[in-house]
C-alpha cells in the first residue's frame, strides 16, 4: 500500500515539474510585450506619425504606431511624443 502511494505521489510530482518547465519555456520564448514587431519604425511610418502630430491628431498617431509595431498604448505614446520633425 505504501509503495503504491509513493509511486502515485512521485508521478504527480514529476508531472507538475514537467508542466512547470513547459510553461517556463513558453514564457521565455514569447516576444516581450513592448518590443517592436518589424524591428523598428520605418521612414514611411515616421513620416505618417509626424504628419498626424502636425495636425493635432496625437491619438491617431498613437493608434497607428500601436497597429504597426504591436507596442502597448503607453509605449506607443512615448514613441509619438519623442518623435520630432527633422530640422531643415
N, C-alpha and C. Protein backbone atom coordinates (compact mmCIF):
# COMPACT_ATOMS: atom_id res chain seq x y z
N UNK A 1 0.82 -1.20 0.00
CA UNK A 1 0.00 0.00 0.00
C UNK A 1 0.87 1.26 0.00
N UNK A 2 1.92 1.25 0.81
CA UNK A 2 2.80 2.42 0.91
C UNK A 2 3.54 2.64 -0.40
N UNK A 3 3.95 1.57 -1.06
CA UNK A 3 4.65 1.70 -2.33
C UNK A 3 3.74 2.30 -3.40
N UNK A 4 2.50 1.93 -3.41
CA UNK A 4 1.55 2.46 -4.39
C UNK A 4 1.35 3.96 -4.18
N UNK A 5 1.19 4.38 -2.95
CA UNK A 5 1.01 5.79 -2.65
C UNK A 5 2.27 6.56 -3.03
N UNK A 6 3.44 6.02 -2.74
CA UNK A 6 4.70 6.68 -3.08
C UNK A 6 4.85 6.84 -4.59
N UNK A 7 4.49 5.81 -5.32
CA UNK A 7 4.59 5.86 -6.78
C UNK A 7 3.63 6.91 -7.34
N UNK A 8 2.43 6.97 -6.82
CA UNK A 8 1.44 7.94 -7.29
C UNK A 8 1.92 9.37 -6.98
N UNK A 9 2.41 9.58 -5.76
CA UNK A 9 2.91 10.92 -5.40
C UNK A 9 4.11 11.32 -6.24
N UNK A 10 5.00 10.39 -6.51
CA UNK A 10 6.16 10.66 -7.34
C UNK A 10 5.74 10.98 -8.78
N UNK A 11 4.75 10.29 -9.29
CA UNK A 11 4.25 10.55 -10.64
C UNK A 11 3.60 11.93 -10.72
N UNK A 12 2.84 12.29 -9.69
CA UNK A 12 2.21 13.61 -9.66
C UNK A 12 3.28 14.71 -9.60
N UNK A 13 4.28 14.51 -8.77
CA UNK A 13 5.36 15.49 -8.65
C UNK A 13 6.12 15.63 -9.96
N UNK A 14 6.43 14.52 -10.61
CA UNK A 14 7.14 14.57 -11.89
C UNK A 14 6.29 15.28 -12.95
N UNK A 15 5.01 15.02 -12.96
CA UNK A 15 4.11 15.68 -13.92
C UNK A 15 4.08 17.18 -13.68
N UNK A 16 4.01 17.58 -12.41
CA UNK A 16 3.99 19.01 -12.09
C UNK A 16 5.29 19.69 -12.51
N UNK A 17 6.41 19.04 -12.32
CA UNK A 17 7.70 19.60 -12.73
C UNK A 17 7.76 19.76 -14.25
N UNK A 18 7.32 18.75 -14.99
CA UNK A 18 7.34 18.82 -16.45
C UNK A 18 6.43 19.94 -16.95
N UNK A 19 5.24 20.05 -16.37
CA UNK A 19 4.33 21.12 -16.79
C UNK A 19 4.93 22.49 -16.46
N UNK A 20 5.55 22.61 -15.30
CA UNK A 20 6.20 23.87 -14.93
C UNK A 20 7.32 24.24 -15.90
N UNK A 21 8.11 23.27 -16.30
CA UNK A 21 9.19 23.54 -17.26
C UNK A 21 8.64 23.94 -18.63
N UNK A 22 7.55 23.33 -19.04
CA UNK A 22 6.94 23.70 -20.32
C UNK A 22 6.42 25.13 -20.27
N UNK A 23 5.75 25.49 -19.18
CA UNK A 23 5.24 26.86 -19.04
C UNK A 23 6.39 27.85 -19.03
N UNK A 24 7.47 27.56 -18.33
CA UNK A 24 8.63 28.43 -18.30
C UNK A 24 9.24 28.60 -19.69
N UNK A 25 9.36 27.51 -20.43
CA UNK A 25 9.92 27.57 -21.78
C UNK A 25 9.07 28.43 -22.70
N UNK A 26 7.76 28.30 -22.60
CA UNK A 26 6.86 29.10 -23.44
C UNK A 26 7.00 30.57 -23.10
N UNK A 27 7.05 30.91 -21.83
CA UNK A 27 7.18 32.31 -21.43
C UNK A 27 8.50 32.91 -21.87
N UNK A 28 9.57 32.13 -21.83
CA UNK A 28 10.87 32.65 -22.23
C UNK A 28 10.99 32.87 -23.73
N UNK A 29 10.21 32.14 -24.51
CA UNK A 29 10.31 32.27 -25.96
C UNK A 29 9.34 33.29 -26.54
N UNK A 30 8.39 33.76 -25.74
CA UNK A 30 7.42 34.72 -26.26
C UNK A 30 8.08 36.08 -26.44
N UNK A 31 7.52 36.85 -27.38
CA UNK A 31 8.01 38.19 -27.66
C UNK A 31 7.72 39.08 -26.45
N UNK A 32 8.71 39.86 -26.01
CA UNK A 32 8.44 40.80 -24.93
C UNK A 32 7.30 41.76 -25.30
N UNK A 33 6.56 42.20 -24.31
CA UNK A 33 5.35 42.98 -24.54
C UNK A 33 5.59 44.25 -25.36
N UNK A 34 6.68 44.94 -25.11
CA UNK A 34 6.89 46.22 -25.78
C UNK A 34 7.97 46.19 -26.84
N UNK A 35 8.32 45.04 -27.33
CA UNK A 35 9.30 45.01 -28.41
C UNK A 35 8.62 45.30 -29.74
N UNK A 36 9.38 45.82 -30.67
CA UNK A 36 8.83 46.16 -31.98
C UNK A 36 8.76 44.92 -32.85
N UNK A 37 7.64 44.73 -33.53
CA UNK A 37 7.45 43.54 -34.37
C UNK A 37 8.36 43.58 -35.60
N UNK A 38 8.37 44.68 -36.31
CA UNK A 38 9.13 44.78 -37.54
C UNK A 38 10.58 45.18 -37.34
N UNK A 39 11.04 45.25 -36.12
CA UNK A 39 12.42 45.62 -35.86
C UNK A 39 12.60 47.12 -35.69
N UNK A 40 11.57 47.91 -35.86
CA UNK A 40 11.70 49.34 -35.66
C UNK A 40 10.68 50.11 -36.48
N UNK A 41 10.79 51.40 -36.38
CA UNK A 41 9.89 52.29 -37.13
C UNK A 41 10.55 52.62 -38.47
N UNK A 42 9.83 52.37 -39.53
CA UNK A 42 10.36 52.70 -40.84
C UNK A 42 10.15 54.16 -41.16
N UNK A 43 10.85 54.67 -42.16
CA UNK A 43 10.73 56.09 -42.53
C UNK A 43 9.30 56.48 -42.93
N UNK A 44 8.59 55.58 -43.60
CA UNK A 44 7.22 55.90 -44.02
C UNK A 44 6.31 56.05 -42.81
N UNK A 45 6.47 55.17 -41.82
CA UNK A 45 5.65 55.26 -40.61
C UNK A 45 5.98 56.53 -39.83
N UNK A 46 7.25 56.85 -39.72
CA UNK A 46 7.65 58.07 -39.01
C UNK A 46 7.05 59.29 -39.69
N UNK A 47 7.07 59.30 -41.01
CA UNK A 47 6.50 60.43 -41.75
C UNK A 47 5.00 60.56 -41.49
N UNK A 48 4.28 59.44 -41.49
CA UNK A 48 2.84 59.47 -41.22
C UNK A 48 2.56 59.96 -39.80
N UNK A 49 3.35 59.48 -38.85
CA UNK A 49 3.16 59.89 -37.46
C UNK A 49 3.42 61.38 -37.30
N UNK A 50 4.47 61.89 -37.94
CA UNK A 50 4.79 63.32 -37.84
C UNK A 50 3.69 64.17 -38.48
N UNK A 51 3.12 63.68 -39.59
CA UNK A 51 2.01 64.41 -40.22
C UNK A 51 0.80 64.46 -39.29
N UNK A 52 0.48 63.34 -38.66
CA UNK A 52 -0.65 63.32 -37.73
C UNK A 52 -0.40 64.25 -36.54
N UNK A 53 0.82 64.24 -36.02
CA UNK A 53 1.14 65.14 -34.90
C UNK A 53 1.02 66.61 -35.33
N UNK A 54 1.43 66.90 -36.56
CA UNK A 54 1.42 68.28 -37.04
C UNK A 54 0.00 68.84 -37.11
N UNK A 55 -0.98 67.99 -37.38
CA UNK A 55 -2.36 68.47 -37.47
C UNK A 55 -3.13 68.24 -36.16
N UNK A 56 -2.41 67.88 -35.10
CA UNK A 56 -3.04 67.73 -33.80
C UNK A 56 -3.74 66.42 -33.55
N UNK A 57 -3.43 65.40 -34.30
CA UNK A 57 -4.07 64.08 -34.16
C UNK A 57 -3.14 63.13 -33.41
N UNK A 58 -2.81 63.49 -32.17
CA UNK A 58 -1.90 62.68 -31.36
C UNK A 58 -2.44 61.27 -31.14
N UNK A 59 -3.71 61.17 -30.79
CA UNK A 59 -4.31 59.86 -30.53
C UNK A 59 -4.28 58.96 -31.76
N UNK A 60 -4.54 59.53 -32.92
CA UNK A 60 -4.49 58.74 -34.16
C UNK A 60 -3.06 58.28 -34.44
N UNK A 61 -2.09 59.12 -34.12
CA UNK A 61 -0.69 58.74 -34.31
C UNK A 61 -0.33 57.57 -33.40
N UNK A 62 -0.81 57.61 -32.17
CA UNK A 62 -0.55 56.52 -31.23
C UNK A 62 -1.19 55.23 -31.73
N UNK A 63 -2.41 55.32 -32.19
CA UNK A 63 -3.11 54.14 -32.71
C UNK A 63 -2.35 53.56 -33.92
N UNK A 64 -1.86 54.43 -34.77
CA UNK A 64 -1.08 53.97 -35.93
C UNK A 64 0.18 53.24 -35.49
N UNK A 65 0.91 53.82 -34.55
CA UNK A 65 2.14 53.18 -34.06
C UNK A 65 1.81 51.84 -33.41
N UNK A 66 0.74 51.80 -32.62
CA UNK A 66 0.35 50.54 -31.98
C UNK A 66 0.02 49.47 -33.00
N UNK A 67 -0.73 49.85 -34.03
CA UNK A 67 -1.12 48.88 -35.05
C UNK A 67 0.04 48.35 -35.85
N UNK A 68 1.02 49.21 -36.12
CA UNK A 68 2.15 48.80 -36.96
C UNK A 68 3.25 48.08 -36.19
N UNK A 69 3.38 48.38 -34.90
CA UNK A 69 4.51 47.83 -34.14
C UNK A 69 4.12 46.82 -33.08
N UNK A 70 2.89 46.85 -32.62
CA UNK A 70 2.49 45.95 -31.54
C UNK A 70 2.85 46.46 -30.16
N UNK A 71 3.26 47.71 -30.05
CA UNK A 71 3.60 48.29 -28.76
C UNK A 71 2.35 48.49 -27.91
N UNK A 72 2.53 48.56 -26.61
CA UNK A 72 1.43 48.89 -25.72
C UNK A 72 1.06 50.36 -25.94
N UNK A 73 -0.10 50.76 -25.41
CA UNK A 73 -0.54 52.14 -25.57
C UNK A 73 0.46 53.10 -24.94
N UNK A 74 0.93 52.75 -23.77
CA UNK A 74 1.88 53.61 -23.06
C UNK A 74 3.19 53.78 -23.84
N UNK A 75 3.73 52.68 -24.34
CA UNK A 75 4.99 52.73 -25.08
C UNK A 75 4.81 53.48 -26.41
N UNK A 76 3.69 53.25 -27.08
CA UNK A 76 3.44 53.95 -28.34
C UNK A 76 3.29 55.46 -28.11
N UNK A 77 2.66 55.84 -27.00
CA UNK A 77 2.53 57.26 -26.67
C UNK A 77 3.90 57.89 -26.46
N UNK A 78 4.78 57.17 -25.78
CA UNK A 78 6.14 57.67 -25.57
C UNK A 78 6.87 57.86 -26.89
N UNK A 79 6.72 56.89 -27.79
CA UNK A 79 7.38 56.99 -29.10
C UNK A 79 6.87 58.20 -29.85
N UNK A 80 5.56 58.38 -29.88
CA UNK A 80 4.96 59.51 -30.63
C UNK A 80 5.41 60.84 -30.02
N UNK A 81 5.45 60.91 -28.69
CA UNK A 81 5.88 62.15 -28.04
C UNK A 81 7.33 62.50 -28.36
N UNK A 82 8.17 61.49 -28.48
CA UNK A 82 9.60 61.72 -28.70
C UNK A 82 9.95 61.99 -30.16
N UNK A 83 9.05 61.67 -31.08
CA UNK A 83 9.35 61.93 -32.50
C UNK A 83 9.19 63.43 -32.79
N UNK A 84 10.18 63.98 -33.43
CA UNK A 84 10.15 65.39 -33.83
C UNK A 84 10.54 65.49 -35.30
N UNK A 85 9.98 66.47 -35.96
CA UNK A 85 10.30 66.69 -37.38
C UNK A 85 11.77 67.08 -37.48
N UNK A 86 12.46 66.57 -38.51
CA UNK A 86 13.88 66.93 -38.68
C UNK A 86 14.04 68.40 -39.01
N UNK A 87 15.13 68.98 -38.54
CA UNK A 87 15.39 70.40 -38.82
C UNK A 87 15.74 70.57 -40.29
N UNK A 88 15.24 71.64 -40.92
CA UNK A 88 15.52 71.82 -42.36
C UNK A 88 16.95 72.18 -42.66
